[in-house]
C-alpha atoms as a PDB file:
ATOM      1  CA  UNK A   1     -13.029 -42.494 -27.163  1.00  0.00           C
ATOM      2  CA  UNK A   2      -9.382 -42.638 -27.869  1.00  0.00           C
ATOM      3  CA  UNK A   3      -7.471 -45.460 -29.069  1.00  0.00           C
ATOM      4  CA  UNK A   4      -4.138 -44.491 -27.598  1.00  0.00           C
ATOM      5  CA  UNK A   5      -3.636 -46.051 -24.436  1.00  0.00           C
ATOM      6  CA  UNK A   6      -1.021 -43.399 -23.124  1.00  0.00           C
ATOM      7  CA  UNK A   7      -3.490 -40.447 -23.415  1.00  0.00           C
ATOM      8  CA  UNK A   8      -5.648 -39.879 -20.372  1.00  0.00           C
ATOM      9  CA  UNK A   9      -9.309 -38.938 -20.588  1.00  0.00           C
ATOM     10  CA  UNK A  10      -8.866 -35.856 -18.229  1.00  0.00           C
ATOM     11  CA  UNK A  11      -5.611 -34.700 -20.186  1.00  0.00           C
ATOM     12  CA  UNK A  12      -4.050 -33.305 -16.807  1.00  0.00           C
ATOM     13  CA  UNK A  13      -1.006 -31.331 -17.360  1.00  0.00           C
ATOM     14  CA  UNK A  14       2.215 -32.712 -16.175  1.00  0.00           C
ATOM     15  CA  UNK A  15       3.803 -30.560 -13.473  1.00  0.00           C
ATOM     16  CA  UNK A  16       6.825 -32.444 -13.005  1.00  0.00           C
ATOM     17  CA  UNK A  17       7.689 -33.825 -16.350  1.00  0.00           C
ATOM     18  CA  UNK A  18      11.502 -33.802 -17.300  1.00  0.00           C
ATOM     19  CA  UNK A  19      12.403 -30.683 -19.239  1.00  0.00           C
ATOM     20  CA  UNK A  20       9.106 -28.810 -18.436  1.00  0.00           C
ATOM     21  CA  UNK A  21      10.737 -25.734 -16.753  1.00  0.00           C
ATOM     22  CA  UNK A  22      13.696 -24.262 -17.665  1.00  0.00           C
ATOM     23  CA  UNK A  23      16.128 -22.944 -14.929  1.00  0.00           C
ATOM     24  CA  UNK A  24      15.819 -19.214 -14.226  1.00  0.00           C
ATOM     25  CA  UNK A  25      18.811 -16.827 -15.179  1.00  0.00           C
ATOM     26  CA  UNK A  26      19.976 -13.566 -14.507  1.00  0.00           C
ATOM     27  CA  UNK A  27      18.162 -12.124 -17.354  1.00  0.00           C
ATOM     28  CA  UNK A  28      14.838 -13.206 -15.952  1.00  0.00           C
ATOM     29  CA  UNK A  29      15.981 -11.350 -12.692  1.00  0.00           C
ATOM     30  CA  UNK A  30      16.813  -8.301 -14.724  1.00  0.00           C
ATOM     31  CA  UNK A  31      13.468  -8.335 -16.241  1.00  0.00           C
ATOM     32  CA  UNK A  32      11.613  -8.729 -12.864  1.00  0.00           C
ATOM     33  CA  UNK A  33      13.772  -5.867 -11.450  1.00  0.00           C
ATOM     34  CA  UNK A  34      12.965  -3.713 -14.594  1.00  0.00           C
ATOM     35  CA  UNK A  35       9.244  -4.014 -13.749  1.00  0.00           C
ATOM     36  CA  UNK A  36       9.580  -1.976 -10.545  1.00  0.00           C
ATOM     37  CA  UNK A  37       8.249   1.406 -10.480  1.00  0.00           C
ATOM     38  CA  UNK A  38       8.827   4.089  -7.819  1.00  0.00           C
ATOM     39  CA  UNK A  39       6.872   6.535  -9.788  1.00  0.00           C
ATOM     40  CA  UNK A  40       3.766   4.334  -9.744  1.00  0.00           C
ATOM     41  CA  UNK A  41       4.141   3.432  -6.117  1.00  0.00           C
ATOM     42  CA  UNK A  42       4.232   7.067  -5.012  1.00  0.00           C
ATOM     43  CA  UNK A  43       1.484   8.062  -7.252  1.00  0.00           C
ATOM     44  CA  UNK A  44      -0.750   5.241  -6.061  1.00  0.00           C
ATOM     45  CA  UNK A  45       0.018   6.043  -2.303  1.00  0.00           C
ATOM     46  CA  UNK A  46      -0.822   9.786  -2.856  1.00  0.00           C
ATOM     47  CA  UNK A  47      -4.018   8.811  -4.645  1.00  0.00           C
ATOM     48  CA  UNK A  48      -5.170   6.435  -2.103  1.00  0.00           C
ATOM     49  CA  UNK A  49      -4.308   8.737   0.680  1.00  0.00           C
ATOM     50  CA  UNK A  50      -6.357  11.581  -0.823  1.00  0.00           C
ATOM     51  CA  UNK A  51      -9.469   9.446  -1.677  1.00  0.00           C
ATOM     52  CA  UNK A  52      -9.309   7.710   1.845  1.00  0.00           C
ATOM     53  CA  UNK A  53      -9.245  10.984   3.601  1.00  0.00           C
ATOM     54  CA  UNK A  54     -12.246  12.242   1.917  1.00  0.00           C
ATOM     55  CA  UNK A  55     -14.179   8.979   2.399  1.00  0.00           C
ATOM     56  CA  UNK A  56     -12.938   8.836   6.060  1.00  0.00           C
ATOM     57  CA  UNK A  57     -14.133  12.284   6.767  1.00  0.00           C
ATOM     58  CA  UNK A  58     -17.424  11.607   4.791  1.00  0.00           C
ATOM     59  CA  UNK A  59     -18.253   8.440   6.981  1.00  0.00           C
ATOM     60  CA  UNK A  60     -17.357   9.955  10.171  1.00  0.00           C
ATOM     61  CA  UNK A  61     -19.614  13.074   9.575  1.00  0.00           C
ATOM     62  CA  UNK A  62     -22.451  11.183   8.185  1.00  0.00           C
ATOM     63  CA  UNK A  63     -22.439   8.566  11.333  1.00  0.00           C
ATOM     64  CA  UNK A  64     -21.361  11.217  13.695  1.00  0.00           C
ATOM     65  CA  UNK A  65     -18.628   8.812  15.110  1.00  0.00           C
ATOM     66  CA  UNK A  66     -14.923   9.094  14.855  1.00  0.00           C
ATOM     67  CA  UNK A  67     -13.197   5.563  13.606  1.00  0.00           C
ATOM     68  CA  UNK A  68      -9.669   5.917  14.753  1.00  0.00           C
ATOM     69  CA  UNK A  69      -9.052   2.569  13.315  1.00  0.00           C
ATOM     70  CA  UNK A  70      -9.371   4.063   9.987  1.00  0.00           C
ATOM     71  CA  UNK A  71      -5.689   4.152  10.108  1.00  0.00           C
ATOM     72  CA  UNK A  72      -5.214   0.535  10.105  1.00  0.00           C
ATOM     73  CA  UNK A  73      -7.624   0.259   7.128  1.00  0.00           C
ATOM     74  CA  UNK A  74      -5.515   3.001   5.303  1.00  0.00           C
ATOM     75  CA  UNK A  75      -2.292   1.158   6.104  1.00  0.00           C
ATOM     76  CA  UNK A  76      -3.884  -2.048   4.358  1.00  0.00           C
ATOM     77  CA  UNK A  77      -5.057  -0.260   1.334  1.00  0.00           C
ATOM     78  CA  UNK A  78      -1.996   1.628   0.755  1.00  0.00           C
ATOM     79  CA  UNK A  79      -0.003  -1.639   1.083  1.00  0.00           C
ATOM     80  CA  UNK A  80      -1.984  -3.393  -1.515  1.00  0.00           C
ATOM     81  CA  UNK A  81      -1.755  -0.280  -3.634  1.00  0.00           C
ATOM     82  CA  UNK A  82       1.971   0.177  -3.554  1.00  0.00           C
ATOM     83  CA  UNK A  83       2.333  -3.651  -4.240  1.00  0.00           C
ATOM     84  CA  UNK A  84       0.087  -3.687  -7.262  1.00  0.00           C
ATOM     85  CA  UNK A  85       1.251  -0.476  -8.749  1.00  0.00           C
ATOM     86  CA  UNK A  86       4.911  -0.351  -7.628  1.00  0.00           C
ATOM     87  CA  UNK A  87       5.501  -4.143  -8.240  1.00  0.00           C
ATOM     88  CA  UNK A  88       8.613  -3.854  -6.030  1.00  0.00           C
ATOM     89  CA  UNK A  89      10.434  -6.288  -4.038  1.00  0.00           C
ATOM     90  CA  UNK A  90      13.188  -4.283  -2.354  1.00  0.00           C
ATOM     91  CA  UNK A  91      13.232  -2.175   0.785  1.00  0.00           C
ATOM     92  CA  UNK A  92      12.018   0.955  -0.850  1.00  0.00           C
ATOM     93  CA  UNK A  93       8.636   0.041  -1.367  1.00  0.00           C
ATOM     94  CA  UNK A  94       7.727  -0.951   2.213  1.00  0.00           C
ATOM     95  CA  UNK A  95       9.322   2.439   3.158  1.00  0.00           C
ATOM     96  CA  UNK A  96       7.125   4.321   0.786  1.00  0.00           C
ATOM     97  CA  UNK A  97       4.024   2.596   2.078  1.00  0.00           C
ATOM     98  CA  UNK A  98       4.950   3.118   5.671  1.00  0.00           C
ATOM     99  CA  UNK A  99       5.797   6.821   5.350  1.00  0.00           C
ATOM    100  CA  UNK A 100       2.709   7.579   3.239  1.00  0.00           C
ATOM    101  CA  UNK A 101       0.533   5.765   5.673  1.00  0.00           C
ATOM    102  CA  UNK A 102       1.626   7.600   8.629  1.00  0.00           C
ATOM    103  CA  UNK A 103       1.330  10.978   6.999  1.00  0.00           C
ATOM    104  CA  UNK A 104      -1.914   9.844   5.399  1.00  0.00           C
ATOM    105  CA  UNK A 105      -3.375   9.005   8.881  1.00  0.00           C
ATOM    106  CA  UNK A 106      -2.315  12.345  10.266  1.00  0.00           C
ATOM    107  CA  UNK A 107      -3.783  14.147   7.031  1.00  0.00           C
ATOM    108  CA  UNK A 108      -7.013  12.131   7.457  1.00  0.00           C
ATOM    109  CA  UNK A 109      -7.351  12.787  11.149  1.00  0.00           C
ATOM    110  CA  UNK A 110      -6.867  16.617  10.126  1.00  0.00           C
ATOM    111  CA  UNK A 111      -9.735  16.296   7.622  1.00  0.00           C
ATOM    112  CA  UNK A 112     -11.985  14.475   9.933  1.00  0.00           C
ATOM    113  CA  UNK A 113     -11.284  17.181  12.540  1.00  0.00           C
ATOM    114  CA  UNK A 114     -11.949  20.030   9.906  1.00  0.00           C
ATOM    115  CA  UNK A 115     -15.213  18.164   8.728  1.00  0.00           C
ATOM    116  CA  UNK A 116     -16.531  18.210  12.587  1.00  0.00           C
ATOM    117  CA  UNK A 117     -15.551  21.665  12.892  1.00  0.00           C
ATOM    118  CA  UNK A 118     -17.454  22.592   9.794  1.00  0.00           C
ATOM    119  CA  UNK A 119     -20.277  20.952  10.997  1.00  0.00           C
ATOM    120  CA  UNK A 120     -20.250  22.837  14.286  1.00  0.00           C
ATOM    121  CA  UNK A 121     -19.890  25.971  12.559  1.00  0.00           C
ATOM    122  CA  UNK A 122     -22.295  25.461   9.680  1.00  0.00           C
ATOM    123  CA  UNK A 123     -19.785  25.872   6.870  1.00  0.00           C
ATOM    124  CA  UNK A 124     -17.758  23.487   4.575  1.00  0.00           C
ATOM    125  CA  UNK A 125     -14.786  21.452   5.248  1.00  0.00           C
ATOM    126  CA  UNK A 126     -12.698  23.135   2.574  1.00  0.00           C
ATOM    127  CA  UNK A 127     -13.433  26.471   4.126  1.00  0.00           C
ATOM    128  CA  UNK A 128     -12.180  25.489   7.638  1.00  0.00           C
ATOM    129  CA  UNK A 129      -9.149  23.872   5.865  1.00  0.00           C
ATOM    130  CA  UNK A 130      -8.359  27.137   4.059  1.00  0.00           C
ATOM    131  CA  UNK A 131      -8.915  29.300   7.190  1.00  0.00           C
ATOM    132  CA  UNK A 132      -6.166  27.290   9.242  1.00  0.00           C
ATOM    133  CA  UNK A 133      -3.233  29.280  10.349  1.00  0.00           C
ATOM    134  CA  UNK A 134       0.081  28.501  11.956  1.00  0.00           C
ATOM    135  CA  UNK A 135      -1.782  29.383  15.396  1.00  0.00           C
ATOM    136  CA  UNK A 136      -4.501  26.661  15.062  1.00  0.00           C
ATOM    137  CA  UNK A 137      -2.175  23.692  14.487  1.00  0.00           C
ATOM    138  CA  UNK A 138      -0.891  23.314  18.219  1.00  0.00           C
ATOM    139  CA  UNK A 139      -4.353  23.716  19.410  1.00  0.00           C
ATOM    140  CA  UNK A 140      -5.434  20.912  16.993  1.00  0.00           C
ATOM    141  CA  UNK A 141      -2.738  18.702  17.969  1.00  0.00           C
ATOM    142  CA  UNK A 142      -3.342  19.182  21.740  1.00  0.00           C
ATOM    143  CA  UNK A 143      -7.013  18.834  21.734  1.00  0.00           C
ATOM    144  CA  UNK A 144      -8.025  16.628  18.880  1.00  0.00           C
ATOM    145  CA  UNK A 145      -5.144  14.378  18.039  1.00  0.00           C
ATOM    146  CA  UNK A 146      -4.411  11.845  20.837  1.00  0.00           C
ATOM    147  CA  UNK A 147      -1.725   9.503  21.671  1.00  0.00           C
ATOM    148  CA  UNK A 148      -4.028   6.757  20.376  1.00  0.00           C
ATOM    149  CA  UNK A 149      -4.185   8.224  16.982  1.00  0.00           C
ATOM    150  CA  UNK A 150      -0.605   8.192  16.615  1.00  0.00           C
ATOM    151  CA  UNK A 151      -0.309   4.451  18.070  1.00  0.00           C
ATOM    152  CA  UNK A 152      -2.917   3.689  15.148  1.00  0.00           C
ATOM    153  CA  UNK A 153      -0.814   5.617  12.670  1.00  0.00           C
ATOM    154  CA  UNK A 154       2.309   3.579  13.640  1.00  0.00           C
ATOM    155  CA  UNK A 155       0.495   0.194  13.563  1.00  0.00           C
ATOM    156  CA  UNK A 156      -1.127   1.302  10.167  1.00  0.00           C
ATOM    157  CA  UNK A 157       2.540   1.995   8.782  1.00  0.00           C
ATOM    158  CA  UNK A 158       3.631  -1.387   9.959  1.00  0.00           C
ATOM    159  CA  UNK A 159       0.558  -3.025   8.105  1.00  0.00           C
ATOM    160  CA  UNK A 160       1.256  -1.043   4.879  1.00  0.00           C
ATOM    161  CA  UNK A 161       4.957  -2.071   5.027  1.00  0.00           C
ATOM    162  CA  UNK A 162       3.976  -5.719   5.454  1.00  0.00           C
ATOM    163  CA  UNK A 163       1.603  -5.755   2.447  1.00  0.00           C
ATOM    164  CA  UNK A 164       3.747  -3.432   0.042  1.00  0.00           C
ATOM    165  CA  UNK A 165       6.377  -5.757  -1.176  1.00  0.00           C
ATOM    166  CA  UNK A 166       5.764  -8.185  -4.033  1.00  0.00           C
ATOM    167  CA  UNK A 167       5.455 -11.765  -3.422  1.00  0.00           C
ATOM    168  CA  UNK A 168       7.815 -13.720  -5.553  1.00  0.00           C
ATOM    169  CA  UNK A 169       7.504 -17.149  -6.641  1.00  0.00           C
ATOM    170  CA  UNK A 170      10.285 -19.462  -6.090  1.00  0.00           C
ATOM    171  CA  UNK A 171      11.530 -19.359  -9.568  1.00  0.00           C
ATOM    172  CA  UNK A 172      11.417 -15.580  -9.655  1.00  0.00           C
ATOM    173  CA  UNK A 173      13.304 -15.344  -6.278  1.00  0.00           C
ATOM    174  CA  UNK A 174      16.035 -17.553  -7.787  1.00  0.00           C
ATOM    175  CA  UNK A 175      16.160 -15.321 -10.834  1.00  0.00           C
ATOM    176  CA  UNK A 176      16.449 -12.241  -8.747  1.00  0.00           C
ATOM    177  CA  UNK A 177      19.209 -13.652  -6.587  1.00  0.00           C
ATOM    178  CA  UNK A 178      21.131 -14.857  -9.775  1.00  0.00           C
ATOM    179  CA  UNK A 179      20.717 -11.151 -11.248  1.00  0.00           C
ATOM    180  CA  UNK A 180      21.908  -9.526  -7.943  1.00  0.00           C
ATOM    181  CA  UNK A 181      24.896 -12.121  -7.865  1.00  0.00           C
ATOM    182  CA  UNK A 182      25.667 -11.169 -11.315  1.00  0.00           C
ATOM    183  CA  UNK A 183      25.553  -7.292 -10.517  1.00  0.00           C
ATOM    184  CA  UNK A 184      28.069  -7.902  -7.438  1.00  0.00           C
ATOM    185  CA  UNK A 185      30.417  -9.792  -9.770  1.00  0.00           C
ATOM    186  CA  UNK A 186      30.504  -7.163 -12.366  1.00  0.00           C
END
């Protein structure tokens, strides 16, 4: 046992001790802003879109069912990917996530439609995608894509935009605010 009466057995850390936390400054905000990466956010969104379209087509073909709500799941996955890879906290990152989700949902529906057409024709999905001409797009969007697919894509884009921004702690938010104020004053 200990002989010091002030030392506790559990040795819990003191969260609210005086002098424990230094106040954030503008340099901390600049460091947090420097961690943002548009390139990583766009790259992660493209990779997730491609992989998700392939998995979505494989799952739909294997189960012989179309899952239009896959656009919502795509939005969730892209939102988390952009948040993790981009580490952004301004308006650009939700915009990247929303646009890439909307485009990815349409691309995913095209790949699913091509997979079904390939199954009916007894050929491969990539063969069908390579043979697409400018005359087949209007037929595809008239017969395969419905208004519900576009609504799911829009809601998926909203989900992606919601989850794309980095969640800052109170200290980080204060540091970023000080950095922005310093940028405005300079």
